[in-house]
């Protein structure tokens, strides 16, 4: 839960001021984000797509709120940033898993799982490992650009859940293929930035 910049920083500041009155620690909000994503997956598993979608939306919403509230309350910490990053991966994992159990073709399931795992993990891993290896400082790593940042990837994943809820299953795979392509391009872009 570290400092944001630019337009996203202004938006985050507004969210933080609006929800800053909540008498809950930001790390608790982070925990609820993960719990809501588990609930969303469980509902998708039992083909309760609309209810599961609602829980996933809540999970993504809380994921946006936790850091903003931490900044508004002056409760940012390295531990909070670490937990936030872990919860990001967990929420995306449960979204991917929900889509995985919602399709019947095993080959599509395996391909879907593989491409989304790559997109979820490797784009952020490059940034984190560049900092860990000492190639980049913390500020430079945080500002590293990417074609498909987590916020955009999350929006596309939520859109794929909407398609599932509405029954447009045939549109999900092309959308996930787009996410995979942009994620891979972001991975290559970040590796190039780190090694140039």
N, C-alpha and C. Protein backbone atom coordinates (compact mmCIF):
# COMPACT_ATOMS: atom_id res chain seq x y z
N UNK A 1 0.83 -1.17 0.00
CA UNK A 1 0.00 0.00 0.00
C UNK A 1 0.88 1.24 0.00
N UNK A 2 1.55 1.44 -1.11
CA UNK A 2 2.46 2.56 -1.22
C UNK A 2 1.84 3.66 -2.05
N UNK A 3 2.54 4.75 -2.16
CA UNK A 3 2.00 5.93 -2.79
C UNK A 3 1.76 5.74 -4.28
N UNK A 4 0.60 6.24 -4.80
CA UNK A 4 0.29 6.20 -6.22
C UNK A 4 0.63 7.55 -6.83
N UNK A 5 0.62 7.62 -8.18
CA UNK A 5 0.91 8.89 -8.83
C UNK A 5 -0.05 9.12 -9.97
N UNK A 6 -0.08 10.38 -10.47
CA UNK A 6 -0.89 10.71 -11.63
C UNK A 6 -2.37 10.64 -11.39
N UNK A 7 -3.09 10.33 -12.49
CA UNK A 7 -4.56 10.26 -12.44
C UNK A 7 -5.04 9.19 -11.47
N UNK A 8 -4.36 8.03 -11.49
CA UNK A 8 -4.77 6.97 -10.56
C UNK A 8 -4.55 7.41 -9.11
N UNK A 9 -3.50 8.22 -8.88
CA UNK A 9 -3.25 8.72 -7.54
C UNK A 9 -4.35 9.67 -7.07
N UNK A 10 -4.82 10.53 -7.99
CA UNK A 10 -5.91 11.46 -7.64
C UNK A 10 -7.19 10.69 -7.35
N UNK A 11 -7.47 9.67 -8.18
CA UNK A 11 -8.67 8.85 -7.99
C UNK A 11 -8.58 8.09 -6.66
N UNK A 12 -7.39 7.54 -6.41
CA UNK A 12 -7.18 6.81 -5.16
C UNK A 12 -7.35 7.73 -3.96
N UNK A 13 -6.85 8.97 -4.08
CA UNK A 13 -7.00 9.94 -2.99
C UNK A 13 -8.45 10.24 -2.70
N UNK A 14 -9.26 10.36 -3.77
CA UNK A 14 -10.70 10.60 -3.59
C UNK A 14 -11.37 9.43 -2.90
N UNK A 15 -11.02 8.21 -3.31
CA UNK A 15 -11.58 7.01 -2.68
C UNK A 15 -11.18 6.97 -1.20
N UNK A 16 -9.92 7.26 -0.92
CA UNK A 16 -9.44 7.24 0.45
C UNK A 16 -10.16 8.23 1.34
N UNK A 17 -10.39 9.44 0.82
CA UNK A 17 -11.11 10.44 1.61
C UNK A 17 -12.55 10.04 1.83
N UNK A 18 -13.16 9.43 0.81
CA UNK A 18 -14.57 9.04 0.90
C UNK A 18 -14.78 7.90 1.89
N UNK A 19 -13.84 6.91 1.87
CA UNK A 19 -14.00 5.73 2.73
C UNK A 19 -13.10 5.77 3.97
N UNK A 20 -12.40 6.88 4.17
CA UNK A 20 -11.48 6.98 5.29
C UNK A 20 -12.14 6.92 6.66
N UNK A 21 -13.43 7.18 6.70
CA UNK A 21 -14.16 7.16 7.98
C UNK A 21 -14.40 5.74 8.50
N UNK A 22 -14.25 4.74 7.63
CA UNK A 22 -14.54 3.36 8.03
C UNK A 22 -13.59 2.95 9.16
N UNK A 23 -14.14 2.49 10.31
CA UNK A 23 -13.30 2.14 11.46
C UNK A 23 -12.70 0.74 11.35
N UNK A 24 -12.08 0.48 10.21
CA UNK A 24 -11.49 -0.84 9.96
C UNK A 24 -10.07 -0.61 9.45
N UNK A 25 -9.13 -1.42 9.89
CA UNK A 25 -7.74 -1.31 9.43
C UNK A 25 -7.68 -1.72 7.96
N UNK A 26 -6.85 -1.03 7.17
CA UNK A 26 -6.74 -1.37 5.74
C UNK A 26 -6.38 -2.83 5.47
N UNK A 27 -5.56 -3.44 6.35
CA UNK A 27 -5.20 -4.85 6.16
C UNK A 27 -6.42 -5.76 6.31
N UNK A 28 -7.38 -5.35 7.12
CA UNK A 28 -8.63 -6.11 7.27
C UNK A 28 -9.44 -6.02 5.99
N UNK A 29 -9.44 -4.84 5.37
CA UNK A 29 -10.14 -4.67 4.08
C UNK A 29 -9.50 -5.58 3.04
N UNK A 30 -8.16 -5.66 3.06
CA UNK A 30 -7.43 -6.55 2.15
C UNK A 30 -7.86 -8.00 2.35
N UNK A 31 -7.96 -8.42 3.61
CA UNK A 31 -8.39 -9.79 3.92
C UNK A 31 -9.79 -10.06 3.38
N UNK A 32 -10.70 -9.10 3.57
CA UNK A 32 -12.07 -9.28 3.07
C UNK A 32 -12.10 -9.38 1.54
N UNK A 33 -11.19 -8.68 0.88
CA UNK A 33 -11.10 -8.78 -0.58
C UNK A 33 -10.85 -10.23 -1.00
N UNK A 34 -9.91 -10.88 -0.31
CA UNK A 34 -9.59 -12.28 -0.62
C UNK A 34 -10.78 -13.18 -0.27
N UNK A 35 -11.39 -12.96 0.89
CA UNK A 35 -12.53 -13.79 1.30
C UNK A 35 -13.70 -13.67 0.32
N UNK A 36 -13.96 -12.46 -0.18
CA UNK A 36 -15.03 -12.27 -1.17
C UNK A 36 -14.69 -12.99 -2.48
N UNK A 37 -13.41 -13.01 -2.86
CA UNK A 37 -13.03 -13.71 -4.09
C UNK A 37 -13.21 -15.22 -3.92
N UNK A 38 -12.93 -15.74 -2.73
CA UNK A 38 -13.16 -17.17 -2.46
C UNK A 38 -14.66 -17.47 -2.54
N UNK A 39 -15.47 -16.57 -1.98
CA UNK A 39 -16.93 -16.75 -2.06
C UNK A 39 -17.39 -16.70 -3.52
N UNK A 40 -16.81 -15.78 -4.30
CA UNK A 40 -17.17 -15.69 -5.72
C UNK A 40 -16.85 -16.96 -6.47
N UNK A 41 -15.65 -17.51 -6.21
CA UNK A 41 -15.27 -18.78 -6.84
C UNK A 41 -16.22 -19.89 -6.44
N UNK A 42 -16.54 -19.97 -5.15
CA UNK A 42 -17.43 -21.03 -4.67
C UNK A 42 -18.79 -20.96 -5.36
N UNK A 43 -19.31 -19.76 -5.54
CA UNK A 43 -20.61 -19.61 -6.21
C UNK A 43 -20.52 -19.98 -7.68
N UNK A 44 -19.41 -19.61 -8.34
CA UNK A 44 -19.22 -20.01 -9.74
C UNK A 44 -19.14 -21.53 -9.85
N UNK A 45 -18.49 -22.16 -8.88
CA UNK A 45 -18.36 -23.61 -8.88
C UNK A 45 -19.73 -24.29 -8.88
N UNK A 46 -20.69 -23.68 -8.19
CA UNK A 46 -22.04 -24.22 -8.13
C UNK A 46 -22.98 -23.54 -9.14
N UNK A 47 -22.37 -22.96 -10.18
CA UNK A 47 -23.10 -22.33 -11.31
C UNK A 47 -24.01 -21.18 -10.88
N UNK A 48 -23.70 -20.54 -9.79
CA UNK A 48 -24.43 -19.35 -9.34
C UNK A 48 -23.66 -18.13 -9.84
N UNK A 49 -23.69 -17.92 -11.17
CA UNK A 49 -22.81 -16.94 -11.80
C UNK A 49 -23.11 -15.51 -11.38
N UNK A 50 -24.36 -15.13 -11.31
CA UNK A 50 -24.71 -13.74 -10.96
C UNK A 50 -24.25 -13.40 -9.55
N UNK A 51 -24.52 -14.29 -8.60
CA UNK A 51 -24.09 -14.05 -7.21
C UNK A 51 -22.57 -14.06 -7.10
N UNK A 52 -21.94 -15.01 -7.79
CA UNK A 52 -20.48 -15.07 -7.78
C UNK A 52 -19.86 -13.82 -8.36
N UNK A 53 -20.45 -13.32 -9.44
CA UNK A 53 -19.97 -12.09 -10.06
C UNK A 53 -20.03 -10.93 -9.07
N UNK A 54 -21.12 -10.84 -8.32
CA UNK A 54 -21.28 -9.76 -7.34
C UNK A 54 -20.16 -9.81 -6.30
N UNK A 55 -19.81 -11.01 -5.84
CA UNK A 55 -18.73 -11.13 -4.86
C UNK A 55 -17.38 -10.77 -5.47
N UNK A 56 -17.16 -11.13 -6.72
CA UNK A 56 -15.90 -10.76 -7.37
C UNK A 56 -15.80 -9.24 -7.54
N UNK A 57 -16.90 -8.60 -7.89
CA UNK A 57 -16.90 -7.14 -8.01
C UNK A 57 -16.55 -6.51 -6.65
N UNK A 58 -17.15 -7.05 -5.58
CA UNK A 58 -16.83 -6.56 -4.24
C UNK A 58 -15.35 -6.78 -3.91
N UNK A 59 -14.81 -7.91 -4.31
CA UNK A 59 -13.40 -8.20 -4.05
C UNK A 59 -12.50 -7.19 -4.75
N UNK A 60 -12.77 -6.92 -6.03
CA UNK A 60 -11.97 -5.95 -6.78
C UNK A 60 -12.15 -4.54 -6.20
N UNK A 61 -13.36 -4.22 -5.77
CA UNK A 61 -13.63 -2.91 -5.20
C UNK A 61 -12.83 -2.72 -3.91
N UNK A 62 -12.88 -3.73 -3.02
CA UNK A 62 -12.14 -3.64 -1.77
C UNK A 62 -10.64 -3.58 -2.01
N UNK A 63 -10.19 -4.24 -3.08
CA UNK A 63 -8.79 -4.20 -3.44
C UNK A 63 -8.36 -2.78 -3.81
N UNK A 64 -9.28 -2.01 -4.40
CA UNK A 64 -8.98 -0.62 -4.73
C UNK A 64 -9.07 0.27 -3.50
N UNK A 65 -9.94 -0.10 -2.57
CA UNK A 65 -10.20 0.74 -1.39
C UNK A 65 -9.10 0.60 -0.33
N UNK A 66 -8.55 -0.60 -0.16
CA UNK A 66 -7.63 -0.82 0.97
C UNK A 66 -6.43 0.12 0.97
N UNK A 67 -5.77 0.22 -0.17
CA UNK A 67 -4.60 1.10 -0.26
C UNK A 67 -4.98 2.57 -0.12
N UNK A 68 -6.12 2.94 -0.71
CA UNK A 68 -6.57 4.32 -0.63
C UNK A 68 -6.88 4.71 0.81
N UNK A 69 -7.52 3.82 1.54
CA UNK A 69 -7.83 4.08 2.95
C UNK A 69 -6.54 4.15 3.77
N UNK A 70 -5.60 3.27 3.47
CA UNK A 70 -4.32 3.29 4.19
C UNK A 70 -3.62 4.63 4.01
N UNK A 71 -3.61 5.13 2.77
CA UNK A 71 -2.97 6.43 2.52
C UNK A 71 -3.73 7.57 3.20
N UNK A 72 -5.07 7.51 3.15
CA UNK A 72 -5.88 8.57 3.76
C UNK A 72 -5.71 8.61 5.27
N UNK A 73 -5.52 7.44 5.90
CA UNK A 73 -5.38 7.37 7.36
C UNK A 73 -3.93 7.45 7.82
N UNK A 74 -3.00 7.53 6.85
CA UNK A 74 -1.59 7.54 7.22
C UNK A 74 -1.12 6.21 7.77
N UNK A 75 -1.70 5.11 7.28
CA UNK A 75 -1.36 3.78 7.79
C UNK A 75 -0.60 2.94 6.76
N UNK A 76 0.03 3.60 5.78
CA UNK A 76 0.79 2.83 4.79
C UNK A 76 2.00 2.18 5.45
N UNK A 77 2.33 1.00 4.98
CA UNK A 77 3.49 0.28 5.52
C UNK A 77 3.98 -0.71 4.48
N UNK A 78 5.22 -1.14 4.65
CA UNK A 78 5.77 -2.16 3.74
C UNK A 78 5.01 -3.47 3.88
N UNK A 79 4.63 -3.79 5.11
CA UNK A 79 3.86 -5.02 5.35
C UNK A 79 2.51 -4.93 4.65
N UNK A 80 1.85 -3.76 4.75
CA UNK A 80 0.57 -3.57 4.07
C UNK A 80 0.71 -3.69 2.57
N UNK A 81 1.79 -3.10 2.01
CA UNK A 81 2.03 -3.19 0.57
C UNK A 81 2.25 -4.64 0.16
N UNK A 82 2.99 -5.38 0.98
CA UNK A 82 3.23 -6.80 0.71
C UNK A 82 1.92 -7.58 0.71
N UNK A 83 1.10 -7.38 1.76
CA UNK A 83 -0.18 -8.10 1.85
C UNK A 83 -1.10 -7.73 0.70
N UNK A 84 -1.07 -6.45 0.30
CA UNK A 84 -1.90 -6.00 -0.81
C UNK A 84 -1.49 -6.70 -2.11
N UNK A 85 -0.18 -6.80 -2.34
CA UNK A 85 0.30 -7.48 -3.54
C UNK A 85 -0.06 -8.96 -3.55
N UNK A 86 0.04 -9.61 -2.40
CA UNK A 86 -0.34 -11.02 -2.29
C UNK A 86 -1.83 -11.18 -2.55
N UNK A 87 -2.64 -10.29 -1.96
CA UNK A 87 -4.10 -10.39 -2.15
C UNK A 87 -4.48 -10.15 -3.60
N UNK A 88 -3.75 -9.26 -4.29
CA UNK A 88 -4.01 -9.03 -5.72
C UNK A 88 -3.91 -10.34 -6.49
N UNK A 89 -2.81 -11.08 -6.24
CA UNK A 89 -2.60 -12.34 -6.95
C UNK A 89 -3.67 -13.36 -6.58
N UNK A 90 -4.05 -13.40 -5.29
CA UNK A 90 -5.06 -14.37 -4.85
C UNK A 90 -6.42 -14.08 -5.48
N UNK A 91 -6.81 -12.80 -5.50
CA UNK A 91 -8.11 -12.44 -6.11
C UNK A 91 -8.12 -12.83 -7.58
N UNK A 92 -7.05 -12.49 -8.30
CA UNK A 92 -6.99 -12.86 -9.72
C UNK A 92 -6.98 -14.37 -9.90
N UNK A 93 -6.30 -15.09 -9.00
CA UNK A 93 -6.28 -16.55 -9.07
C UNK A 93 -7.68 -17.12 -8.96
N UNK A 94 -8.48 -16.61 -8.01
CA UNK A 94 -9.83 -17.14 -7.83
C UNK A 94 -10.74 -16.77 -8.99
N UNK A 95 -10.49 -15.62 -9.64
CA UNK A 95 -11.25 -15.28 -10.86
C UNK A 95 -10.91 -16.27 -11.96
N UNK A 96 -9.61 -16.54 -12.15
CA UNK A 96 -9.18 -17.49 -13.17
C UNK A 96 -9.75 -18.88 -12.88
N UNK A 97 -9.71 -19.28 -11.62
CA UNK A 97 -10.24 -20.58 -11.23
C UNK A 97 -11.74 -20.65 -11.47
N UNK A 98 -12.46 -19.56 -11.22
CA UNK A 98 -13.90 -19.53 -11.46
C UNK A 98 -14.20 -19.71 -12.94
N UNK A 99 -13.44 -19.04 -13.79
CA UNK A 99 -13.63 -19.22 -15.24
C UNK A 99 -13.25 -20.63 -15.66
N UNK A 100 -12.23 -21.18 -15.02
CA UNK A 100 -11.76 -22.53 -15.31
C UNK A 100 -12.86 -23.56 -15.04
N UNK A 101 -13.52 -23.47 -13.88
CA UNK A 101 -14.54 -24.47 -13.54
C UNK A 101 -15.86 -24.22 -14.28
N UNK A 102 -15.97 -23.06 -14.96
CA UNK A 102 -17.22 -22.73 -15.65
C UNK A 102 -17.24 -23.19 -17.09
N UNK A 103 -16.12 -23.69 -17.61
CA UNK A 103 -16.08 -24.20 -18.98
C UNK A 103 -15.99 -25.72 -18.94
N UNK A 104 -16.46 -26.36 -19.99
CA UNK A 104 -16.52 -27.83 -19.99
C UNK A 104 -15.42 -28.49 -20.82
N UNK A 105 -14.87 -27.80 -21.79
CA UNK A 105 -13.83 -28.38 -22.65
C UNK A 105 -12.50 -28.36 -21.91
N UNK A 106 -11.92 -29.54 -21.64
CA UNK A 106 -10.71 -29.64 -20.82
C UNK A 106 -9.53 -28.94 -21.47
N UNK A 107 -9.42 -28.99 -22.81
CA UNK A 107 -8.31 -28.31 -23.47
C UNK A 107 -8.42 -26.80 -23.31
N UNK A 108 -9.63 -26.27 -23.43
CA UNK A 108 -9.83 -24.84 -23.22
C UNK A 108 -9.51 -24.49 -21.78
N UNK A 109 -9.92 -25.35 -20.85
CA UNK A 109 -9.65 -25.10 -19.43
C UNK A 109 -8.15 -24.99 -19.17
N UNK A 110 -7.39 -25.96 -19.68
CA UNK A 110 -5.95 -25.97 -19.44
C UNK A 110 -5.26 -24.77 -20.08
N UNK A 111 -5.65 -24.45 -21.31
CA UNK A 111 -5.07 -23.30 -21.99
C UNK A 111 -5.43 -22.01 -21.26
N UNK A 112 -6.68 -21.91 -20.86
CA UNK A 112 -7.15 -20.74 -20.12
C UNK A 112 -6.35 -20.56 -18.83
N UNK A 113 -6.16 -21.62 -18.09
CA UNK A 113 -5.43 -21.56 -16.85
C UNK A 113 -3.98 -21.14 -17.08
N UNK A 114 -3.36 -21.70 -18.10
CA UNK A 114 -1.95 -21.41 -18.37
C UNK A 114 -1.74 -19.95 -18.77
N UNK A 115 -2.55 -19.45 -19.71
CA UNK A 115 -2.32 -18.08 -20.18
C UNK A 115 -2.65 -17.05 -19.11
N UNK A 116 -3.65 -17.31 -18.32
CA UNK A 116 -4.01 -16.34 -17.29
C UNK A 116 -3.04 -16.39 -16.11
N UNK A 117 -2.52 -17.57 -15.81
CA UNK A 117 -1.50 -17.65 -14.77
C UNK A 117 -0.28 -16.83 -15.17
N UNK A 118 0.12 -16.96 -16.42
CA UNK A 118 1.26 -16.20 -16.91
C UNK A 118 1.01 -14.70 -16.76
N UNK A 119 -0.14 -14.25 -17.25
CA UNK A 119 -0.46 -12.83 -17.20
C UNK A 119 -0.55 -12.29 -15.80
N UNK A 120 -1.10 -13.08 -14.89
CA UNK A 120 -1.27 -12.64 -13.51
C UNK A 120 0.07 -12.55 -12.78
N UNK A 121 0.95 -13.49 -13.04
CA UNK A 121 2.18 -13.57 -12.26
C UNK A 121 3.40 -12.87 -12.87
N UNK A 122 3.66 -13.12 -14.14
CA UNK A 122 4.94 -12.70 -14.70
C UNK A 122 5.08 -11.19 -14.89
N UNK A 123 3.99 -10.50 -15.21
CA UNK A 123 4.13 -9.06 -15.42
C UNK A 123 4.52 -8.34 -14.13
N UNK A 124 3.95 -8.76 -13.01
CA UNK A 124 4.32 -8.14 -11.73
C UNK A 124 5.64 -8.71 -11.21
N UNK A 125 5.94 -9.96 -11.56
CA UNK A 125 7.19 -10.58 -11.10
C UNK A 125 8.41 -9.84 -11.65
N UNK A 126 8.35 -9.44 -12.93
CA UNK A 126 9.48 -8.73 -13.53
C UNK A 126 9.77 -7.46 -12.73
N UNK A 127 8.72 -6.73 -12.42
CA UNK A 127 8.89 -5.49 -11.64
C UNK A 127 9.48 -5.77 -10.26
N UNK A 128 8.92 -6.76 -9.57
CA UNK A 128 9.38 -7.07 -8.22
C UNK A 128 10.80 -7.61 -8.22
N UNK A 129 11.14 -8.45 -9.19
CA UNK A 129 12.46 -9.06 -9.20
C UNK A 129 13.53 -8.07 -9.65
N UNK A 130 13.16 -7.10 -10.48
CA UNK A 130 14.10 -6.05 -10.86
C UNK A 130 14.52 -5.27 -9.62
N UNK A 131 13.57 -5.01 -8.74
CA UNK A 131 13.87 -4.31 -7.50
C UNK A 131 14.66 -5.22 -6.55
N UNK A 132 14.23 -6.48 -6.43
CA UNK A 132 14.89 -7.43 -5.55
C UNK A 132 16.35 -7.65 -5.96
N UNK A 133 16.60 -7.69 -7.26
CA UNK A 133 17.95 -7.93 -7.77
C UNK A 133 18.85 -6.70 -7.65
N UNK A 134 18.25 -5.56 -7.33
CA UNK A 134 19.03 -4.34 -7.20
C UNK A 134 19.27 -3.63 -8.51
N UNK A 135 18.64 -4.10 -9.59
CA UNK A 135 18.79 -3.44 -10.89
C UNK A 135 18.06 -2.11 -10.88
N UNK A 136 16.93 -2.05 -10.18
CA UNK A 136 16.13 -0.84 -10.08
C UNK A 136 15.84 -0.54 -8.63
N UNK A 137 15.72 0.74 -8.34
CA UNK A 137 15.28 1.15 -7.01
C UNK A 137 13.77 1.01 -6.90
N UNK A 138 13.27 1.19 -5.69
CA UNK A 138 11.85 1.03 -5.43
C UNK A 138 11.00 1.99 -6.26
N UNK A 139 11.39 3.26 -6.30
CA UNK A 139 10.60 4.26 -7.04
C UNK A 139 10.59 3.96 -8.53
N UNK A 140 11.74 3.60 -9.10
CA UNK A 140 11.82 3.28 -10.53
C UNK A 140 10.98 2.05 -10.86
N UNK A 141 11.03 1.05 -9.98
CA UNK A 141 10.24 -0.17 -10.21
C UNK A 141 8.75 0.13 -10.17
N UNK A 142 8.34 0.97 -9.21
CA UNK A 142 6.91 1.31 -9.10
C UNK A 142 6.41 2.06 -10.33
N UNK A 143 7.31 2.86 -10.93
CA UNK A 143 6.91 3.68 -12.08
C UNK A 143 7.11 2.97 -13.42
N UNK A 144 7.58 1.71 -13.39
CA UNK A 144 7.83 0.98 -14.63
C UNK A 144 6.53 0.85 -15.43
N UNK A 145 6.54 1.30 -16.69
CA UNK A 145 5.31 1.25 -17.48
C UNK A 145 4.98 -0.17 -17.94
N UNK A 146 3.77 -0.32 -18.42
CA UNK A 146 3.33 -1.60 -18.96
C UNK A 146 2.11 -1.42 -19.82
N UNK A 147 2.05 -2.18 -20.91
CA UNK A 147 0.88 -2.09 -21.81
C UNK A 147 -0.40 -2.48 -21.08
N UNK A 148 -0.32 -3.51 -20.26
CA UNK A 148 -1.49 -3.99 -19.53
C UNK A 148 -1.17 -4.04 -18.05
N UNK A 149 -1.51 -2.97 -17.35
CA UNK A 149 -1.28 -2.90 -15.91
C UNK A 149 -2.34 -3.73 -15.19
N UNK A 150 -2.17 -3.90 -13.88
CA UNK A 150 -3.11 -4.73 -13.14
C UNK A 150 -4.54 -4.21 -13.19
N UNK A 151 -4.70 -2.89 -13.12
CA UNK A 151 -6.06 -2.32 -13.14
C UNK A 151 -6.78 -2.68 -14.44
N UNK A 152 -6.09 -2.52 -15.56
CA UNK A 152 -6.70 -2.85 -16.85
C UNK A 152 -6.96 -4.34 -16.98
N UNK A 153 -6.01 -5.16 -16.48
CA UNK A 153 -6.20 -6.61 -16.53
C UNK A 153 -7.39 -7.02 -15.68
N UNK A 154 -7.55 -6.38 -14.54
CA UNK A 154 -8.69 -6.67 -13.66
C UNK A 154 -10.00 -6.33 -14.34
N UNK A 155 -10.04 -5.19 -15.03
CA UNK A 155 -11.26 -4.79 -15.75
C UNK A 155 -11.61 -5.82 -16.81
N UNK A 156 -10.61 -6.28 -17.55
CA UNK A 156 -10.86 -7.29 -18.60
C UNK A 156 -11.31 -8.62 -17.99
N UNK A 157 -10.74 -8.99 -16.84
CA UNK A 157 -11.18 -10.22 -16.18
C UNK A 157 -12.61 -10.10 -15.68
N UNK A 158 -12.96 -8.93 -15.15
CA UNK A 158 -14.35 -8.71 -14.71
C UNK A 158 -15.28 -8.77 -15.92
N UNK A 159 -14.84 -8.21 -17.05
CA UNK A 159 -15.65 -8.27 -18.28
C UNK A 159 -15.87 -9.72 -18.71
N UNK A 160 -14.85 -10.57 -18.55
CA UNK A 160 -15.03 -11.98 -18.90
C UNK A 160 -16.03 -12.64 -17.96
N UNK A 161 -16.05 -12.22 -16.69
CA UNK A 161 -17.07 -12.74 -15.77
C UNK A 161 -18.46 -12.28 -16.18
N UNK A 162 -18.57 -11.03 -16.64
CA UNK A 162 -19.86 -10.51 -17.12
C UNK A 162 -20.35 -11.35 -18.29
N UNK A 163 -19.45 -11.67 -19.22
CA UNK A 163 -19.82 -12.49 -20.37
C UNK A 163 -20.32 -13.87 -19.92
N UNK A 164 -19.67 -14.42 -18.87
CA UNK A 164 -20.11 -15.72 -18.35
C UNK A 164 -21.50 -15.60 -17.74
N UNK A 165 -21.72 -14.55 -16.96
CA UNK A 165 -23.02 -14.35 -16.32
C UNK A 165 -24.13 -14.19 -17.35
N UNK A 166 -23.83 -13.46 -18.43
CA UNK A 166 -24.83 -13.20 -19.47
C UNK A 166 -24.98 -14.35 -20.46
N UNK A 167 -24.13 -15.35 -20.34
CA UNK A 167 -24.24 -16.52 -21.21
C UNK A 167 -23.51 -16.41 -22.54
N UNK A 168 -22.66 -15.38 -22.70
CA UNK A 168 -21.90 -15.22 -23.94
C UNK A 168 -20.56 -15.94 -23.83
N UNK A 169 -20.63 -17.23 -23.63
CA UNK A 169 -19.44 -18.04 -23.36
C UNK A 169 -18.47 -18.01 -24.55
N UNK A 170 -18.99 -17.95 -25.78
CA UNK A 170 -18.14 -17.97 -26.96
C UNK A 170 -17.22 -16.75 -27.03
N UNK A 171 -17.58 -15.67 -26.37
CA UNK A 171 -16.77 -14.45 -26.40
C UNK A 171 -15.66 -14.45 -25.34
N UNK A 172 -15.76 -15.36 -24.39
CA UNK A 172 -14.80 -15.35 -23.28
C UNK A 172 -13.41 -15.72 -23.75
N UNK A 173 -13.29 -16.77 -24.55
CA UNK A 173 -11.96 -17.22 -24.95
C UNK A 173 -11.21 -16.16 -25.76
N UNK A 174 -11.83 -15.49 -26.75
CA UNK A 174 -11.10 -14.42 -27.45
C UNK A 174 -10.65 -13.30 -26.52
N UNK A 175 -11.49 -12.97 -25.53
CA UNK A 175 -11.11 -11.92 -24.58
C UNK A 175 -9.92 -12.38 -23.74
N UNK A 176 -9.95 -13.62 -23.29
CA UNK A 176 -8.84 -14.14 -22.50
C UNK A 176 -7.57 -14.25 -23.34
N UNK A 177 -7.73 -14.56 -24.62
CA UNK A 177 -6.57 -14.59 -25.52
C UNK A 177 -5.97 -13.19 -25.65
N UNK A 178 -6.82 -12.16 -25.70
CA UNK A 178 -6.34 -10.78 -25.75
C UNK A 178 -5.58 -10.44 -24.46
N UNK A 179 -6.14 -10.85 -23.32
CA UNK A 179 -5.45 -10.60 -22.04
C UNK A 179 -4.09 -11.28 -22.04
N UNK A 180 -4.04 -12.52 -22.54
CA UNK A 180 -2.79 -13.27 -22.58
C UNK A 180 -1.77 -12.57 -23.47
N UNK A 181 -2.22 -12.13 -24.66
CA UNK A 181 -1.31 -11.46 -25.60
C UNK A 181 -0.75 -10.17 -25.00
N UNK A 182 -1.63 -9.34 -24.43
CA UNK A 182 -1.20 -8.07 -23.85
C UNK A 182 -0.32 -8.29 -22.61
N UNK A 183 -0.62 -9.34 -21.86
CA UNK A 183 0.20 -9.67 -20.69
C UNK A 183 1.59 -10.09 -21.12
N UNK A 184 1.66 -10.92 -22.15
CA UNK A 184 2.97 -11.35 -22.65
C UNK A 184 3.75 -10.16 -23.21
N UNK A 185 3.05 -9.28 -23.94
CA UNK A 185 3.70 -8.09 -24.47
C UNK A 185 4.22 -7.20 -23.34
N UNK A 186 3.46 -7.10 -22.26
CA UNK A 186 3.89 -6.32 -21.10
C UNK A 186 5.11 -6.95 -20.45
N UNK A 187 5.09 -8.27 -20.35
CA UNK A 187 6.24 -9.01 -19.82
C UNK A 187 7.50 -8.71 -20.63
N UNK A 188 7.40 -8.81 -21.96
CA UNK A 188 8.55 -8.53 -22.84
C UNK A 188 8.99 -7.08 -22.70
N UNK A 189 7.99 -6.16 -22.67
CA UNK A 189 8.29 -4.74 -22.53
C UNK A 189 9.08 -4.47 -21.25
N UNK A 190 8.66 -5.08 -20.15
CA UNK A 190 9.31 -4.82 -18.86
C UNK A 190 10.70 -5.46 -18.80
N UNK A 191 10.85 -6.65 -19.38
CA UNK A 191 12.17 -7.27 -19.42
C UNK A 191 13.12 -6.38 -20.22
N UNK A 192 12.64 -5.83 -21.32
CA UNK A 192 13.46 -4.94 -22.15
C UNK A 192 13.84 -3.69 -21.38
N UNK A 193 12.90 -3.11 -20.66
CA UNK A 193 13.17 -1.90 -19.87
C UNK A 193 14.24 -2.18 -18.81
N UNK A 194 14.12 -3.33 -18.13
CA UNK A 194 15.05 -3.67 -17.05
C UNK A 194 16.44 -3.94 -17.60
N UNK A 195 16.53 -4.59 -18.76
CA UNK A 195 17.84 -5.04 -19.27
C UNK A 195 18.49 -4.09 -20.25
N UNK A 196 17.76 -3.06 -20.71
CA UNK A 196 18.36 -2.19 -21.72
C UNK A 196 19.52 -1.37 -21.15
